[in-house]
């Protein structure tokens, strides 16, 4: 969803990282990594992981905001991880689903 006016956000639901953490049981740092991706080092080589999904809302006032659909994504990702599905597999499935739909 690409919102261009303030009125485009009416009815979406806007949640802070701390609200999302409280509502989903996933810590805010982990949610941030899932939404923004992250960089890491392997044997001195920099690598980057892309976000797990494309967030519903843009950065608002220099802060990450989650929409209701993002909250549902967090819950799904958490449920799959708790059942032993790797984050790499979840990313691949999300990419395939995005291409398919």
N, C-alpha and C. Protein backbone atom coordinates (compact mmCIF):
# COMPACT_ATOMS: atom_id res chain seq x y z
N UNK A 1 0.84 -1.17 0.00
CA UNK A 1 0.00 0.00 0.00
C UNK A 1 0.89 1.23 0.00
N UNK A 2 0.62 2.13 -0.89
CA UNK A 2 1.36 3.39 -0.93
C UNK A 2 0.40 4.51 -0.60
N UNK A 3 0.60 5.10 0.54
CA UNK A 3 -0.27 6.20 0.96
C UNK A 3 0.41 7.52 0.64
N UNK A 4 -0.37 8.45 0.12
CA UNK A 4 0.21 9.73 -0.26
C UNK A 4 -0.37 10.90 0.52
N UNK A 5 -1.52 10.71 1.15
CA UNK A 5 -2.15 11.77 1.93
C UNK A 5 -2.45 11.23 3.32
N UNK A 6 -2.59 12.15 4.26
CA UNK A 6 -2.93 11.73 5.63
C UNK A 6 -4.20 10.88 5.65
N UNK A 7 -5.17 11.25 4.83
CA UNK A 7 -6.43 10.52 4.83
C UNK A 7 -6.27 9.09 4.35
N UNK A 8 -5.17 8.78 3.65
CA UNK A 8 -4.92 7.42 3.19
C UNK A 8 -4.67 6.47 4.36
N UNK A 9 -4.37 7.01 5.54
CA UNK A 9 -4.09 6.17 6.71
C UNK A 9 -5.32 5.90 7.56
N UNK A 10 -6.43 6.56 7.31
CA UNK A 10 -7.64 6.33 8.10
C UNK A 10 -8.07 4.88 7.94
N UNK A 11 -8.33 4.22 9.06
CA UNK A 11 -8.82 2.85 9.05
C UNK A 11 -7.74 1.79 8.90
N UNK A 12 -6.48 2.21 8.77
CA UNK A 12 -5.39 1.24 8.59
C UNK A 12 -4.95 0.67 9.93
N UNK A 13 -4.94 1.48 10.95
CA UNK A 13 -4.37 1.08 12.23
C UNK A 13 -2.87 1.33 12.16
N UNK A 14 -2.35 2.13 13.03
CA UNK A 14 -0.93 2.44 13.05
C UNK A 14 -0.39 2.11 14.43
N UNK A 15 0.62 1.25 14.46
CA UNK A 15 1.18 0.76 15.72
C UNK A 15 2.68 1.04 15.78
N UNK A 16 3.15 1.44 16.94
CA UNK A 16 4.59 1.62 17.13
C UNK A 16 5.23 0.24 17.31
N UNK A 17 6.56 0.20 17.24
CA UNK A 17 7.26 -1.06 17.49
C UNK A 17 6.96 -1.61 18.88
N UNK A 18 6.92 -0.73 19.87
CA UNK A 18 6.65 -1.20 21.23
C UNK A 18 5.21 -1.73 21.35
N UNK A 19 4.26 -1.08 20.69
CA UNK A 19 2.88 -1.60 20.67
C UNK A 19 2.83 -2.96 19.99
N UNK A 20 3.50 -3.07 18.85
CA UNK A 20 3.52 -4.33 18.11
C UNK A 20 4.15 -5.44 18.95
N UNK A 21 5.22 -5.12 19.66
CA UNK A 21 5.87 -6.12 20.52
C UNK A 21 4.92 -6.59 21.61
N UNK A 22 4.24 -5.65 22.23
CA UNK A 22 3.30 -5.99 23.30
C UNK A 22 2.14 -6.83 22.76
N UNK A 23 1.63 -6.50 21.59
CA UNK A 23 0.47 -7.19 21.04
C UNK A 23 0.80 -8.56 20.46
N UNK A 24 2.04 -8.76 20.02
CA UNK A 24 2.41 -10.02 19.35
C UNK A 24 3.28 -10.94 20.19
N UNK A 25 3.91 -10.40 21.23
CA UNK A 25 4.83 -11.21 22.03
C UNK A 25 6.19 -11.39 21.40
N UNK A 26 6.49 -10.64 20.35
CA UNK A 26 7.80 -10.67 19.69
C UNK A 26 8.52 -9.38 20.06
N UNK A 27 9.80 -9.48 20.46
CA UNK A 27 10.46 -8.26 20.92
C UNK A 27 10.67 -7.26 19.77
N UNK A 28 10.70 -5.99 20.14
CA UNK A 28 10.74 -4.90 19.16
C UNK A 28 11.97 -4.97 18.26
N UNK A 29 13.11 -5.35 18.80
CA UNK A 29 14.33 -5.44 17.98
C UNK A 29 14.17 -6.48 16.88
N UNK A 30 13.58 -7.61 17.22
CA UNK A 30 13.36 -8.66 16.21
C UNK A 30 12.39 -8.18 15.15
N UNK A 31 11.31 -7.51 15.54
CA UNK A 31 10.35 -6.98 14.56
C UNK A 31 11.06 -5.98 13.64
N UNK A 32 11.87 -5.11 14.21
CA UNK A 32 12.62 -4.12 13.42
C UNK A 32 13.48 -4.82 12.37
N UNK A 33 14.19 -5.88 12.77
CA UNK A 33 15.04 -6.62 11.82
C UNK A 33 14.20 -7.26 10.72
N UNK A 34 13.05 -7.80 11.09
CA UNK A 34 12.19 -8.43 10.09
C UNK A 34 11.67 -7.40 9.10
N UNK A 35 11.41 -6.18 9.56
CA UNK A 35 10.85 -5.14 8.69
C UNK A 35 11.89 -4.38 7.88
N UNK A 36 13.08 -4.19 8.43
CA UNK A 36 14.10 -3.39 7.76
C UNK A 36 15.20 -4.21 7.13
N UNK A 37 15.32 -5.48 7.52
CA UNK A 37 16.46 -6.26 7.10
C UNK A 37 17.63 -5.90 8.02
N UNK A 38 18.77 -6.50 7.78
CA UNK A 38 19.92 -6.22 8.63
C UNK A 38 21.21 -6.63 7.94
N UNK A 39 22.30 -6.09 8.42
CA UNK A 39 23.64 -6.41 7.90
C UNK A 39 24.39 -7.21 8.96
N UNK A 40 25.28 -8.07 8.51
CA UNK A 40 26.11 -8.85 9.43
C UNK A 40 27.42 -9.22 8.73
N UNK A 41 28.35 -9.74 9.48
CA UNK A 41 29.68 -10.10 8.95
C UNK A 41 29.87 -11.61 9.02
N UNK A 42 30.44 -12.18 7.97
CA UNK A 42 30.85 -13.58 7.96
C UNK A 42 32.28 -13.62 7.44
N UNK A 43 33.19 -14.02 8.31
CA UNK A 43 34.61 -14.09 7.97
C UNK A 43 35.10 -12.79 7.34
N UNK A 44 34.71 -11.68 7.94
CA UNK A 44 35.14 -10.37 7.49
C UNK A 44 34.39 -9.83 6.29
N UNK A 45 33.46 -10.60 5.75
CA UNK A 45 32.68 -10.16 4.59
C UNK A 45 31.32 -9.65 5.05
N UNK A 46 30.94 -8.45 4.60
CA UNK A 46 29.63 -7.89 4.94
C UNK A 46 28.54 -8.54 4.11
N UNK A 47 27.48 -8.90 4.77
CA UNK A 47 26.31 -9.47 4.09
C UNK A 47 25.06 -8.76 4.58
N UNK A 48 24.03 -8.86 3.79
CA UNK A 48 22.78 -8.16 4.13
C UNK A 48 21.61 -9.12 3.93
N UNK A 49 20.69 -9.08 4.84
CA UNK A 49 19.43 -9.81 4.72
C UNK A 49 18.32 -8.80 4.46
N UNK A 50 17.53 -9.08 3.47
CA UNK A 50 16.40 -8.21 3.12
C UNK A 50 15.29 -8.36 4.16
N UNK A 51 14.37 -7.42 4.19
CA UNK A 51 13.21 -7.58 5.08
C UNK A 51 12.46 -8.87 4.75
N UNK A 52 11.76 -9.40 5.72
CA UNK A 52 11.01 -10.64 5.52
C UNK A 52 9.79 -10.37 4.63
N UNK A 53 9.17 -9.22 4.77
CA UNK A 53 8.05 -8.82 3.93
C UNK A 53 8.10 -7.31 3.72
N UNK A 54 7.34 -6.83 2.75
CA UNK A 54 7.24 -5.39 2.49
C UNK A 54 6.22 -4.81 3.45
N UNK A 55 6.65 -3.87 4.25
CA UNK A 55 5.74 -3.33 5.27
C UNK A 55 4.61 -2.54 4.64
N UNK A 56 3.56 -2.45 5.39
CA UNK A 56 2.33 -1.80 4.94
C UNK A 56 2.47 -0.28 4.89
N UNK A 57 3.23 0.28 5.82
CA UNK A 57 3.34 1.73 5.94
C UNK A 57 4.78 2.19 5.71
N UNK A 58 4.95 3.40 5.18
CA UNK A 58 6.30 3.94 5.07
C UNK A 58 6.81 4.39 6.44
N UNK A 59 8.07 4.77 6.50
CA UNK A 59 8.62 5.34 7.72
C UNK A 59 7.85 6.64 7.99
N UNK A 60 7.34 6.79 9.20
CA UNK A 60 6.56 7.98 9.57
C UNK A 60 7.30 8.74 10.65
N UNK A 61 7.58 10.02 10.40
CA UNK A 61 8.31 10.84 11.36
C UNK A 61 9.60 10.17 11.82
N UNK A 62 10.34 9.59 10.88
CA UNK A 62 11.61 8.91 11.15
C UNK A 62 11.46 7.70 12.07
N UNK A 63 10.27 7.12 12.14
CA UNK A 63 10.05 5.94 12.98
C UNK A 63 9.34 4.86 12.17
N UNK A 64 9.65 3.63 12.54
CA UNK A 64 8.94 2.51 11.92
C UNK A 64 7.55 2.45 12.51
N UNK A 65 6.57 2.35 11.65
CA UNK A 65 5.19 2.17 12.07
C UNK A 65 4.67 0.91 11.38
N UNK A 66 3.86 0.17 12.09
CA UNK A 66 3.28 -1.03 11.53
C UNK A 66 1.79 -0.83 11.34
N UNK A 67 1.27 -1.36 10.26
CA UNK A 67 -0.17 -1.39 10.05
C UNK A 67 -0.72 -2.69 10.60
N UNK A 68 -2.04 -2.82 10.58
CA UNK A 68 -2.66 -4.04 11.09
C UNK A 68 -2.17 -5.27 10.33
N UNK A 69 -2.02 -5.16 9.02
CA UNK A 69 -1.54 -6.30 8.24
C UNK A 69 -0.12 -6.70 8.66
N UNK A 70 0.71 -5.72 9.01
CA UNK A 70 2.05 -6.03 9.52
C UNK A 70 1.97 -6.81 10.83
N UNK A 71 1.04 -6.45 11.70
CA UNK A 71 0.87 -7.20 12.95
C UNK A 71 0.54 -8.66 12.65
N UNK A 72 -0.30 -8.89 11.66
CA UNK A 72 -0.64 -10.26 11.30
C UNK A 72 0.57 -10.99 10.72
N UNK A 73 1.39 -10.29 9.94
CA UNK A 73 2.62 -10.88 9.41
C UNK A 73 3.55 -11.30 10.55
N UNK A 74 3.70 -10.44 11.54
CA UNK A 74 4.55 -10.75 12.69
C UNK A 74 4.04 -12.02 13.37
N UNK A 75 2.74 -12.11 13.57
CA UNK A 75 2.17 -13.29 14.22
C UNK A 75 2.41 -14.56 13.39
N UNK A 76 2.26 -14.47 12.07
CA UNK A 76 2.49 -15.63 11.21
C UNK A 76 3.96 -16.05 11.24
N UNK A 77 4.85 -15.09 11.10
CA UNK A 77 6.29 -15.41 11.10
C UNK A 77 6.66 -16.06 12.43
N UNK A 78 6.21 -15.47 13.52
CA UNK A 78 6.49 -16.06 14.84
C UNK A 78 5.98 -17.49 14.93
N UNK A 79 4.75 -17.74 14.47
CA UNK A 79 4.17 -19.08 14.54
C UNK A 79 4.98 -20.09 13.73
N UNK A 80 5.42 -19.70 12.55
CA UNK A 80 6.21 -20.61 11.72
C UNK A 80 7.57 -20.88 12.37
N UNK A 81 8.21 -19.86 12.90
CA UNK A 81 9.51 -20.04 13.56
C UNK A 81 9.35 -20.97 14.77
N UNK A 82 8.30 -20.78 15.55
CA UNK A 82 8.06 -21.64 16.71
C UNK A 82 7.85 -23.10 16.32
N UNK A 83 7.46 -23.34 15.09
CA UNK A 83 7.24 -24.70 14.61
C UNK A 83 8.43 -25.24 13.81
N UNK A 84 9.56 -24.50 13.89
CA UNK A 84 10.79 -24.99 13.30
C UNK A 84 11.08 -24.58 11.87
N UNK A 85 10.28 -23.70 11.30
CA UNK A 85 10.54 -23.23 9.94
C UNK A 85 11.59 -22.13 10.01
N UNK A 86 12.61 -22.23 9.17
CA UNK A 86 13.69 -21.24 9.19
C UNK A 86 13.23 -19.91 8.60
N UNK A 87 13.86 -18.85 9.05
CA UNK A 87 13.55 -17.52 8.52
C UNK A 87 13.88 -17.46 7.03
N UNK A 88 14.92 -18.17 6.62
CA UNK A 88 15.28 -18.22 5.19
C UNK A 88 14.13 -18.84 4.38
N UNK A 89 13.54 -19.91 4.88
CA UNK A 89 12.41 -20.54 4.19
C UNK A 89 11.19 -19.62 4.16
N UNK A 90 10.97 -18.90 5.26
CA UNK A 90 9.86 -17.96 5.32
C UNK A 90 10.06 -16.85 4.29
N UNK A 91 11.29 -16.33 4.19
CA UNK A 91 11.58 -15.28 3.20
C UNK A 91 11.31 -15.78 1.79
N UNK A 92 11.77 -17.00 1.49
CA UNK A 92 11.56 -17.57 0.15
C UNK A 92 10.07 -17.73 -0.15
N UNK A 93 9.33 -18.24 0.83
CA UNK A 93 7.89 -18.43 0.63
C UNK A 93 7.18 -17.09 0.44
N UNK A 94 7.58 -16.08 1.21
CA UNK A 94 6.98 -14.75 1.07
C UNK A 94 7.26 -14.16 -0.31
N UNK A 95 8.48 -14.34 -0.80
CA UNK A 95 8.84 -13.83 -2.13
C UNK A 95 8.04 -14.54 -3.22
N UNK A 96 7.90 -15.85 -3.09
CA UNK A 96 7.12 -16.61 -4.09
C UNK A 96 5.66 -16.21 -4.05
N UNK A 97 5.12 -16.04 -2.85
CA UNK A 97 3.71 -15.64 -2.73
C UNK A 97 3.50 -14.25 -3.32
N UNK A 98 4.45 -13.35 -3.07
CA UNK A 98 4.34 -11.99 -3.62
C UNK A 98 4.33 -12.03 -5.14
N UNK A 99 5.19 -12.87 -5.75
CA UNK A 99 5.22 -13.00 -7.20
C UNK A 99 3.93 -13.63 -7.73
N UNK A 100 3.42 -14.61 -6.98
CA UNK A 100 2.22 -15.32 -7.41
C UNK A 100 0.99 -14.45 -7.33
N UNK A 101 0.87 -13.68 -6.24
CA UNK A 101 -0.32 -12.86 -6.06
C UNK A 101 -0.08 -11.45 -6.50
